[in-house]
Amino acid sequence: GEKTSGRILSYTLAAMRYLIARDCKMIIVACNTATSIA
């Protein structure tokens, strides 16, 4: 919540790639900040 939008997007994309690589077919972005920015 205190990071820049660019950093939030970067961290969230890295998390998406990690979960997809671990065979997640559906992902819930539970973080409101990541939802709002990314």
All heavy atoms as atom14 arrays in JSON, in Angstrom:
{
  "sequence": "GEKTSGRILSYTLAAMRYLIARDCKMIIVACNTATSIA",
  "atom14_mask": [
    [1, 1, 1, 1, 0, 0, 0, 0, 0, 0, 0, 0, 0, 0],
    [1, 1, 1, 1, 1, 1, 1, 1, 1, 0, 0, 0, 0, 0],
    [1, 1, 1, 1, 1, 1, 1, 1, 1, 0, 0, 0, 0, 0],
    [1, 1, 1, 1, 1, 1, 1, 0, 0, 0, 0, 0, 0, 0],
    [1, 1, 1, 1, 1, 1, 0, 0, 0, 0, 0, 0, 0, 0],
    [1, 1, 1, 1, 0, 0, 0, 0, 0, 0, 0, 0, 0, 0],
    [1, 1, 1, 1, 1, 1, 1, 1, 1, 1, 1, 0, 0, 0],
    [1, 1, 1, 1, 1, 1, 1, 1, 0, 0, 0, 0, 0, 0],
    [1, 1, 1, 1, 1, 1, 1, 1, 0, 0, 0, 0, 0, 0],
    [1, 1, 1, 1, 1, 1, 0, 0, 0, 0, 0, 0, 0, 0],
    [1, 1, 1, 1, 1, 1, 1, 1, 1, 1, 1, 1, 0, 0],
    [1, 1, 1, 1, 1, 1, 1, 0, 0, 0, 0, 0, 0, 0],
    [1, 1, 1, 1, 1, 1, 1, 1, 0, 0, 0, 0, 0, 0],
    [1, 1, 1, 1, 1, 0, 0, 0, 0, 0, 0, 0, 0, 0],
    [1, 1, 1, 1, 1, 0, 0, 0, 0, 0, 0, 0, 0, 0],
    [1, 1, 1, 1, 1, 1, 1, 1, 0, 0, 0, 0, 0, 0],
    [1, 1, 1, 1, 1, 1, 1, 1, 1, 1, 1, 0, 0, 0],
    [1, 1, 1, 1, 1, 1, 1, 1, 1, 1, 1, 1, 0, 0],
    [1, 1, 1, 1, 1, 1, 1, 1, 0, 0, 0, 0, 0, 0],
    [1, 1, 1, 1, 1, 1, 1, 1, 0, 0, 0, 0, 0, 0],
    [1, 1, 1, 1, 1, 0, 0, 0, 0, 0, 0, 0, 0, 0],
    [1, 1, 1, 1, 1, 1, 1, 1, 1, 1, 1, 0, 0, 0],
    [1, 1, 1, 1, 1, 1, 1, 1, 0, 0, 0, 0, 0, 0],
    [1, 1, 1, 1, 1, 1, 0, 0, 0, 0, 0, 0, 0, 0],
    [1, 1, 1, 1, 1, 1, 1, 1, 1, 0, 0, 0, 0, 0],
    [1, 1, 1, 1, 1, 1, 1, 1, 0, 0, 0, 0, 0, 0],
    [1, 1, 1, 1, 1, 1, 1, 1, 0, 0, 0, 0, 0, 0],
    [1, 1, 1, 1, 1, 1, 1, 1, 0, 0, 0, 0, 0, 0],
    [1, 1, 1, 1, 1, 1, 1, 0, 0, 0, 0, 0, 0, 0],
    [1, 1, 1, 1, 1, 0, 0, 0, 0, 0, 0, 0, 0, 0],
    [1, 1, 1, 1, 1, 1, 0, 0, 0, 0, 0, 0, 0, 0],
    [1, 1, 1, 1, 1, 1, 1, 1, 0, 0, 0, 0, 0, 0],
    [1, 1, 1, 1, 1, 1, 1, 0, 0, 0, 0, 0, 0, 0],
    [1, 1, 1, 1, 1, 0, 0, 0, 0, 0, 0, 0, 0, 0],
    [1, 1, 1, 1, 1, 1, 1, 0, 0, 0, 0, 0, 0, 0],
    [1, 1, 1, 1, 1, 1, 0, 0, 0, 0, 0, 0, 0, 0],
    [1, 1, 1, 1, 1, 1, 1, 1, 0, 0, 0, 0, 0, 0],
    [1, 1, 1, 1, 1, 0, 0, 0, 0, 0, 0, 0, 0, 0]
  ],
  "atom14_positions": [
    [[0.78, -1.23, 0.0], [0.0, 0.0, 0.0], [0.81, 1.28, 0.0], [0.3, 2.34, -0.34], [0.0, 0.0, 0.0], [0.0, 0.0, 0.0], [0.0, 0.0, 0.0], [0.0, 0.0, 0.0], [0.0, 0.0, 0.0], [0.0, 0.0, 0.0], [0.0, 0.0, 0.0], [0.0, 0.0, 0.0], [0.0, 0.0, 0.0], [0.0, 0.0, 0.0]],
    [[2.09, 1.18, 0.35], [2.95, 2.37, 0.37], [3.95, 2.38, -0.79], [4.82, 3.25, -0.84], [3.69, 2.45, 1.71], [2.77, 2.39, 2.93], [1.65, 3.4, 2.85], [1.93, 4.6, 2.64], [0.48, 2.99, 2.98], [0.0, 0.0, 0.0], [0.0, 0.0, 0.0], [0.0, 0.0, 0.0], [0.0, 0.0, 0.0], [0.0, 0.0, 0.0]],
    [[3.82, 1.42, -1.72], [4.73, 1.33, -2.86], [4.19, 2.14, -4.04], [3.01, 2.5, -4.09], [4.89, -0.13, -3.29], [5.45, -1.06, -2.22], [6.9, -0.78, -1.93], [7.55, -1.89, -1.1], [6.98, -2.12, 0.22], [0.0, 0.0, 0.0], [0.0, 0.0, 0.0], [0.0, 0.0, 0.0], [0.0, 0.0, 0.0], [0.0, 0.0, 0.0]],
    [[5.06, 2.4, -5.03], [4.62, 3.05, -6.26], [3.8, 2.07, -7.09], [3.91, 0.85, -6.95], [5.81, 3.51, -7.1], [6.55, 2.36, -7.55], [6.72, 4.43, -6.3], [0.0, 0.0, 0.0], [0.0, 0.0, 0.0], [0.0, 0.0, 0.0], [0.0, 0.0, 0.0], [0.0, 0.0, 0.0], [0.0, 0.0, 0.0], [0.0, 0.0, 0.0]],
    [[3.01, 2.61, -8.0], [2.19, 1.76, -8.87], [3.06, 0.83, -9.71], [2.7, -0.34, -9.94], [1.31, 2.62, -9.78], [0.38, 3.36, -9.02], [0.0, 0.0, 0.0], [0.0, 0.0, 0.0], [0.0, 0.0, 0.0], [0.0, 0.0, 0.0], [0.0, 0.0, 0.0], [0.0, 0.0, 0.0], [0.0, 0.0, 0.0], [0.0, 0.0, 0.0]],
    [[4.19, 1.32, -10.16], [5.08, 0.5, -10.97], [5.61, -0.71, -10.22], [5.68, -1.82, -10.76], [0.0, 0.0, 0.0], [0.0, 0.0, 0.0], [0.0, 0.0, 0.0], [0.0, 0.0, 0.0], [0.0, 0.0, 0.0], [0.0, 0.0, 0.0], [0.0, 0.0, 0.0], [0.0, 0.0, 0.0], [0.0, 0.0, 0.0], [0.0, 0.0, 0.0]],
    [[5.99, -0.49, -8.98], [6.5, -1.61, -8.17], [5.37, -2.6, -7.86], [5.58, -3.82, -7.89], [7.13, -1.09, -6.88], [8.49, -0.44, -7.08], [9.22, -0.25, -5.77], [10.54, 0.32, -5.97], [11.62, -0.4, -6.25], [11.52, -1.71, -6.38], [12.79, 0.18, -6.41], [0.0, 0.0, 0.0], [0.0, 0.0, 0.0], [0.0, 0.0, 0.0]],
    [[4.2, -2.09, -7.54], [3.07, -2.97, -7.26], [2.76, -3.85, -8.46], [2.55, -5.06, -8.34], [1.83, -2.15, -6.85], [2.09, -1.45, -5.51], [0.59, -3.04, -6.75], [1.08, -0.35, -5.19], [0.0, 0.0, 0.0], [0.0, 0.0, 0.0], [0.0, 0.0, 0.0], [0.0, 0.0, 0.0], [0.0, 0.0, 0.0], [0.0, 0.0, 0.0]],
    [[2.74, -3.26, -9.65], [2.49, -4.02, -10.86], [3.58, -5.08, -11.07], [3.28, -6.24, -11.39], [2.42, -3.09, -12.07], [2.22, -3.77, -13.43], [0.93, -4.57, -13.48], [2.25, -2.74, -14.56], [0.0, 0.0, 0.0], [0.0, 0.0, 0.0], [0.0, 0.0, 0.0], [0.0, 0.0, 0.0], [0.0, 0.0, 0.0], [0.0, 0.0, 0.0]],
    [[4.83, -4.7, -10.89], [5.94, -5.63, -11.09], [5.84, -6.81, -10.12], [5.99, -7.97, -10.53], [7.27, -4.9, -10.9], [8.36, -5.79, -10.99], [0.0, 0.0, 0.0], [0.0, 0.0, 0.0], [0.0, 0.0, 0.0], [0.0, 0.0, 0.0], [0.0, 0.0, 0.0], [0.0, 0.0, 0.0], [0.0, 0.0, 0.0], [0.0, 0.0, 0.0]],
    [[5.61, -6.53, -8.85], [5.51, -7.6, -7.86], [4.3, -8.52, -8.15], [4.39, -9.74, -8.01], [5.35, -7.02, -6.46], [6.51, -6.2, -5.96], [6.31, -5.15, -5.05], [7.82, -6.45, -6.38], [7.37, -4.39, -4.58], [8.88, -5.68, -5.92], [8.65, -4.66, -5.02], [9.7, -3.9, -4.55], [0.0, 0.0, 0.0], [0.0, 0.0, 0.0]],
    [[3.2, -7.91, -8.57], [1.99, -8.7, -8.82], [2.17, -9.6, -10.04], [1.76, -10.77, -10.03], [0.78, -7.78, -8.99], [0.64, -6.94, -7.85], [-0.5, -8.59, -9.15], [0.0, 0.0, 0.0], [0.0, 0.0, 0.0], [0.0, 0.0, 0.0], [0.0, 0.0, 0.0], [0.0, 0.0, 0.0], [0.0, 0.0, 0.0], [0.0, 0.0, 0.0]],
    [[2.8, -9.09, -11.08], [3.06, -9.92, -12.26], [3.98, -11.08, -11.93], [3.78, -12.21, -12.41], [3.66, -9.07, -13.38], [2.72, -8.06, -14.04], [3.48, -7.21, -15.06], [1.54, -8.74, -14.7], [0.0, 0.0, 0.0], [0.0, 0.0, 0.0], [0.0, 0.0, 0.0], [0.0, 0.0, 0.0], [0.0, 0.0, 0.0], [0.0, 0.0, 0.0]],
    [[4.97, -10.84, -11.09], [5.86, -11.92, -10.68], [5.08, -13.0, -9.92], [5.31, -14.2, -10.11], [6.99, -11.38, -9.81], [0.0, 0.0, 0.0], [0.0, 0.0, 0.0], [0.0, 0.0, 0.0], [0.0, 0.0, 0.0], [0.0, 0.0, 0.0], [0.0, 0.0, 0.0], [0.0, 0.0, 0.0], [0.0, 0.0, 0.0], [0.0, 0.0, 0.0]],
    [[4.16, -12.56, -9.08], [3.34, -13.52, -8.33], [2.43, -14.31, -9.27], [2.24, -15.52, -9.09], [2.51, -12.78, -7.29], [0.0, 0.0, 0.0], [0.0, 0.0, 0.0], [0.0, 0.0, 0.0], [0.0, 0.0, 0.0], [0.0, 0.0, 0.0], [0.0, 0.0, 0.0], [0.0, 0.0, 0.0], [0.0, 0.0, 0.0], [0.0, 0.0, 0.0]],
    [[1.86, -13.65, -10.28], [1.01, -14.36, -11.23], [1.81, -15.43, -11.97], [1.35, -16.57, -12.14], [0.41, -13.38, -12.25], [-0.54, -12.33, -11.68], [-1.98, -13.0, -10.82], [-1.46, -12.81, -9.09], [0.0, 0.0, 0.0], [0.0, 0.0, 0.0], [0.0, 0.0, 0.0], [0.0, 0.0, 0.0], [0.0, 0.0, 0.0], [0.0, 0.0, 0.0]],
    [[3.02, -15.08, -12.39], [3.84, -16.07, -13.1], [4.18, -17.25, -12.2], [4.21, -18.4, -12.65], [5.11, -15.39, -13.62], [4.86, -14.38, -14.74], [6.15, -13.86, -15.35], [5.88, -12.99, -16.49], [5.92, -11.67, -16.45], [6.25, -11.04, -15.32], [5.64, -10.95, -17.53], [0.0, 0.0, 0.0], [0.0, 0.0, 0.0], [0.0, 0.0, 0.0]],
    [[4.44, -16.97, -10.94], [4.75, -18.05, -10.01], [3.57, -18.99, -9.82], [3.71, -20.22, -9.9], [5.17, -17.46, -8.66], [5.52, -18.51, -7.63], [6.66, -19.29, -7.77], [4.71, -18.72, -6.53], [6.99, -20.27, -6.85], [5.02, -19.69, -5.59], [6.17, -20.45, -5.75], [6.48, -21.43, -4.83], [0.0, 0.0, 0.0], [0.0, 0.0, 0.0]],
    [[2.39, -18.43, -9.61], [1.2, -19.27, -9.4], [0.81, -20.04, -10.65], [0.41, -21.2, -10.58], [0.05, -18.39, -8.91], [0.19, -17.87, -7.48], [-0.85, -16.79, -7.21], [0.06, -19.01, -6.47], [0.0, 0.0, 0.0], [0.0, 0.0, 0.0], [0.0, 0.0, 0.0], [0.0, 0.0, 0.0], [0.0, 0.0, 0.0], [0.0, 0.0, 0.0]],
    [[0.94, -19.4, -11.8], [0.63, -20.09, -13.05], [1.6, -21.25, -13.28], [1.2, -22.35, -13.7], [0.65, -19.11, -14.23], [-0.54, -18.13, -14.12], [0.6, -19.85, -15.57], [-0.45, -16.94, -15.05], [0.0, 0.0, 0.0], [0.0, 0.0, 0.0], [0.0, 0.0, 0.0], [0.0, 0.0, 0.0], [0.0, 0.0, 0.0], [0.0, 0.0, 0.0]],
    [[2.87, -21.04, -12.96], [3.87, -22.11, -13.1], [3.59, -23.27, -12.14], [4.05, -24.4, -12.39], [5.27, -21.56, -12.86], [0.0, 0.0, 0.0], [0.0, 0.0, 0.0], [0.0, 0.0, 0.0], [0.0, 0.0, 0.0], [0.0, 0.0, 0.0], [0.0, 0.0, 0.0], [0.0, 0.0, 0.0], [0.0, 0.0, 0.0], [0.0, 0.0, 0.0]],
    [[2.86, -22.99, -11.07], [2.51, -24.03, -10.1], [1.12, -24.61, -10.38], [0.48, -25.16, -9.5], [2.55, -23.44, -8.68], [3.92, -22.92, -8.25], [4.94, -24.02, -8.07], [4.51, -24.96, -7.06], [4.65, -24.77, -5.74], [5.22, -23.67, -5.29], [4.22, -25.68, -4.89], [0.0, 0.0, 0.0], [0.0, 0.0, 0.0], [0.0, 0.0, 0.0]],
    [[0.66, -24.49, -11.6], [-0.57, -25.14, -12.07], [-1.85, -24.55, -11.47], [-2.81, -25.28, -11.2], [-0.53, -26.65, -11.81], [0.56, -27.35, -12.6], [0.83, -26.93, -13.74], [1.15, -28.3, -12.06], [0.0, 0.0, 0.0], [0.0, 0.0, 0.0], [0.0, 0.0, 0.0], [0.0, 0.0, 0.0], [0.0, 0.0, 0.0], [0.0, 0.0, 0.0]],
    [[-1.88, -23.26, -11.31], [-3.11, -22.6, -10.88], [-3.91, -22.19, -12.12], [-3.43, -21.42, -12.95], [-2.81, -21.38, -10.01], [-2.14, -21.8, -8.39], [0.0, 0.0, 0.0], [0.0, 0.0, 0.0], [0.0, 0.0, 0.0], [0.0, 0.0, 0.0], [0.0, 0.0, 0.0], [0.0, 0.0, 0.0], [0.0, 0.0, 0.0], [0.0, 0.0, 0.0]],
    [[-5.09, -22.71, -12.25], [-5.98, -22.42, -13.37], [-6.77, -21.15, -13.13], [-7.16, -20.44, -14.06], [-6.94, -23.59, -13.59], [-7.99, -23.39, -14.66], [-7.39, -23.41, -16.05], [-8.47, -23.39, -17.12], [-7.9, -23.39, -18.48], [0.0, 0.0, 0.0], [0.0, 0.0, 0.0], [0.0, 0.0, 0.0], [0.0, 0.0, 0.0], [0.0, 0.0, 0.0]],
    [[-7.0, -20.86, -11.86], [-7.78, -19.69, -11.47], [-7.05, -19.02, -10.3], [-6.6, -19.71, -9.38], [-9.18, -20.13, -11.06], [-10.09, -19.01, -10.62], [-11.72, -19.7, -10.2], [-12.61, -18.16, -9.98], [0.0, 0.0, 0.0], [0.0, 0.0, 0.0], [0.0, 0.0, 0.0], [0.0, 0.0, 0.0], [0.0, 0.0, 0.0], [0.0, 0.0, 0.0]],
    [[-6.93, -17.71, -10.36], [-6.2, -16.98, -9.32], [-7.08, -15.86, -8.8], [-7.64, -15.07, -9.57], [-4.88, -16.4, -9.86], [-3.97, -17.52, -10.38], [-4.16, -15.6, -8.77], [-2.75, -17.03, -11.12], [0.0, 0.0, 0.0], [0.0, 0.0, 0.0], [0.0, 0.0, 0.0], [0.0, 0.0, 0.0], [0.0, 0.0, 0.0], [0.0, 0.0, 0.0]],
    [[-7.19, -15.79, -7.48], [-7.88, -14.69, -6.82], [-6.83, -13.72, -6.3], [-5.99, -14.1, -5.46], [-8.75, -15.18, -5.64], [-9.65, -16.34, -6.07], [-9.55, -14.01, -5.08], [-10.64, -16.02, -7.14], [0.0, 0.0, 0.0], [0.0, 0.0, 0.0], [0.0, 0.0, 0.0], [0.0, 0.0, 0.0], [0.0, 0.0, 0.0], [0.0, 0.0, 0.0]],
    [[-6.83, -12.5, -6.8], [-5.95, -11.47, -6.26], [-6.65, -10.91, -5.02], [-7.5, -10.04, -5.11], [-5.67, -10.36, -7.29], [-4.75, -9.3, -6.7], [-5.03, -10.96, -8.55], [0.0, 0.0, 0.0], [0.0, 0.0, 0.0], [0.0, 0.0, 0.0], [0.0, 0.0, 0.0], [0.0, 0.0, 0.0], [0.0, 0.0, 0.0], [0.0, 0.0, 0.0]],
    [[-6.29, -11.46, -3.87], [-6.96, -11.08, -2.63], [-6.52, -9.71, -2.15], [-7.22, -9.08, -1.35], [-6.7, -12.13, -1.55], [0.0, 0.0, 0.0], [0.0, 0.0, 0.0], [0.0, 0.0, 0.0], [0.0, 0.0, 0.0], [0.0, 0.0, 0.0], [0.0, 0.0, 0.0], [0.0, 0.0, 0.0], [0.0, 0.0, 0.0], [0.0, 0.0, 0.0]],
    [[-5.38, -9.25, -2.62], [-4.86, -7.94, -2.22], [-5.64, -6.82, -2.9], [-5.67, -6.74, -4.13], [-3.38, -7.86, -2.59], [-2.61, -6.28, -2.22], [0.0, 0.0, 0.0], [0.0, 0.0, 0.0], [0.0, 0.0, 0.0], [0.0, 0.0, 0.0], [0.0, 0.0, 0.0], [0.0, 0.0, 0.0], [0.0, 0.0, 0.0], [0.0, 0.0, 0.0]],
    [[-6.26, -5.95, -2.11], [-7.01, -4.82, -2.67], [-6.09, -3.87, -3.42], [-6.45, -3.33, -4.46], [-7.72, -4.07, -1.56], [-8.92, -4.8, -1.02], [-10.06, -4.5, -1.34], [-8.67, -5.79, -0.17], [0.0, 0.0, 0.0], [0.0, 0.0, 0.0], [0.0, 0.0, 0.0], [0.0, 0.0, 0.0], [0.0, 0.0, 0.0], [0.0, 0.0, 0.0]],
    [[-4.89, -3.65, -2.89], [-3.95, -2.74, -3.54], [-3.55, -3.29, -4.9], [-3.56, -2.57, -5.91], [-2.71, -2.54, -2.66], [-3.11, -1.97, -1.41], [-1.72, -1.61, -3.34], [0.0, 0.0, 0.0], [0.0, 0.0, 0.0], [0.0, 0.0, 0.0], [0.0, 0.0, 0.0], [0.0, 0.0, 0.0], [0.0, 0.0, 0.0], [0.0, 0.0, 0.0]],
    [[-3.19, -4.57, -4.96], [-2.83, -5.17, -6.24], [-4.01, -5.2, -7.2], [-3.85, -4.99, -8.41], [-2.29, -6.59, -6.01], [0.0, 0.0, 0.0], [0.0, 0.0, 0.0], [0.0, 0.0, 0.0], [0.0, 0.0, 0.0], [0.0, 0.0, 0.0], [0.0, 0.0, 0.0], [0.0, 0.0, 0.0], [0.0, 0.0, 0.0], [0.0, 0.0, 0.0]],
    [[-5.2, -5.44, -6.68], [-6.39, -5.4, -7.53], [-6.56, -4.03, -8.15], [-6.81, -3.88, -9.35], [-7.65, -5.77, -6.71], [-7.54, -7.11, -6.24], [-8.9, -5.65, -7.57], [0.0, 0.0, 0.0], [0.0, 0.0, 0.0], [0.0, 0.0, 0.0], [0.0, 0.0, 0.0], [0.0, 0.0, 0.0], [0.0, 0.0, 0.0], [0.0, 0.0, 0.0]],
    [[-6.42, -2.99, -7.33], [-6.67, -1.63, -7.81], [-5.63, -1.17, -8.82], [-5.95, -0.44, -9.76], [-6.71, -0.65, -6.63], [-5.45, -0.56, -5.99], [0.0, 0.0, 0.0], [0.0, 0.0, 0.0], [0.0, 0.0, 0.0], [0.0, 0.0, 0.0], [0.0, 0.0, 0.0], [0.0, 0.0, 0.0], [0.0, 0.0, 0.0], [0.0, 0.0, 0.0]],
    [[-4.4, -1.61, -8.67], [-3.32, -1.14, -9.53], [-3.08, -2.06, -10.72], [-2.82, -1.6, -11.84], [-2.0, -1.0, -8.73], [-2.18, -0.02, -7.57], [-0.85, -0.59, -9.63], [-2.57, 1.38, -7.98], [0.0, 0.0, 0.0], [0.0, 0.0, 0.0], [0.0, 0.0, 0.0], [0.0, 0.0, 0.0], [0.0, 0.0, 0.0], [0.0, 0.0, 0.0]],
    [[-3.17, -3.38, -10.51], [-2.66, -4.32, -11.51], [-3.7, -5.17, -12.21], [-3.41, -5.73, -13.28], [-1.64, -5.25, -10.84], [0.0, 0.0, 0.0], [0.0, 0.0, 0.0], [0.0, 0.0, 0.0], [0.0, 0.0, 0.0], [0.0, 0.0, 0.0], [0.0, 0.0, 0.0], [0.0, 0.0, 0.0], [0.0, 0.0, 0.0], [0.0, 0.0, 0.0]]
  ]
}
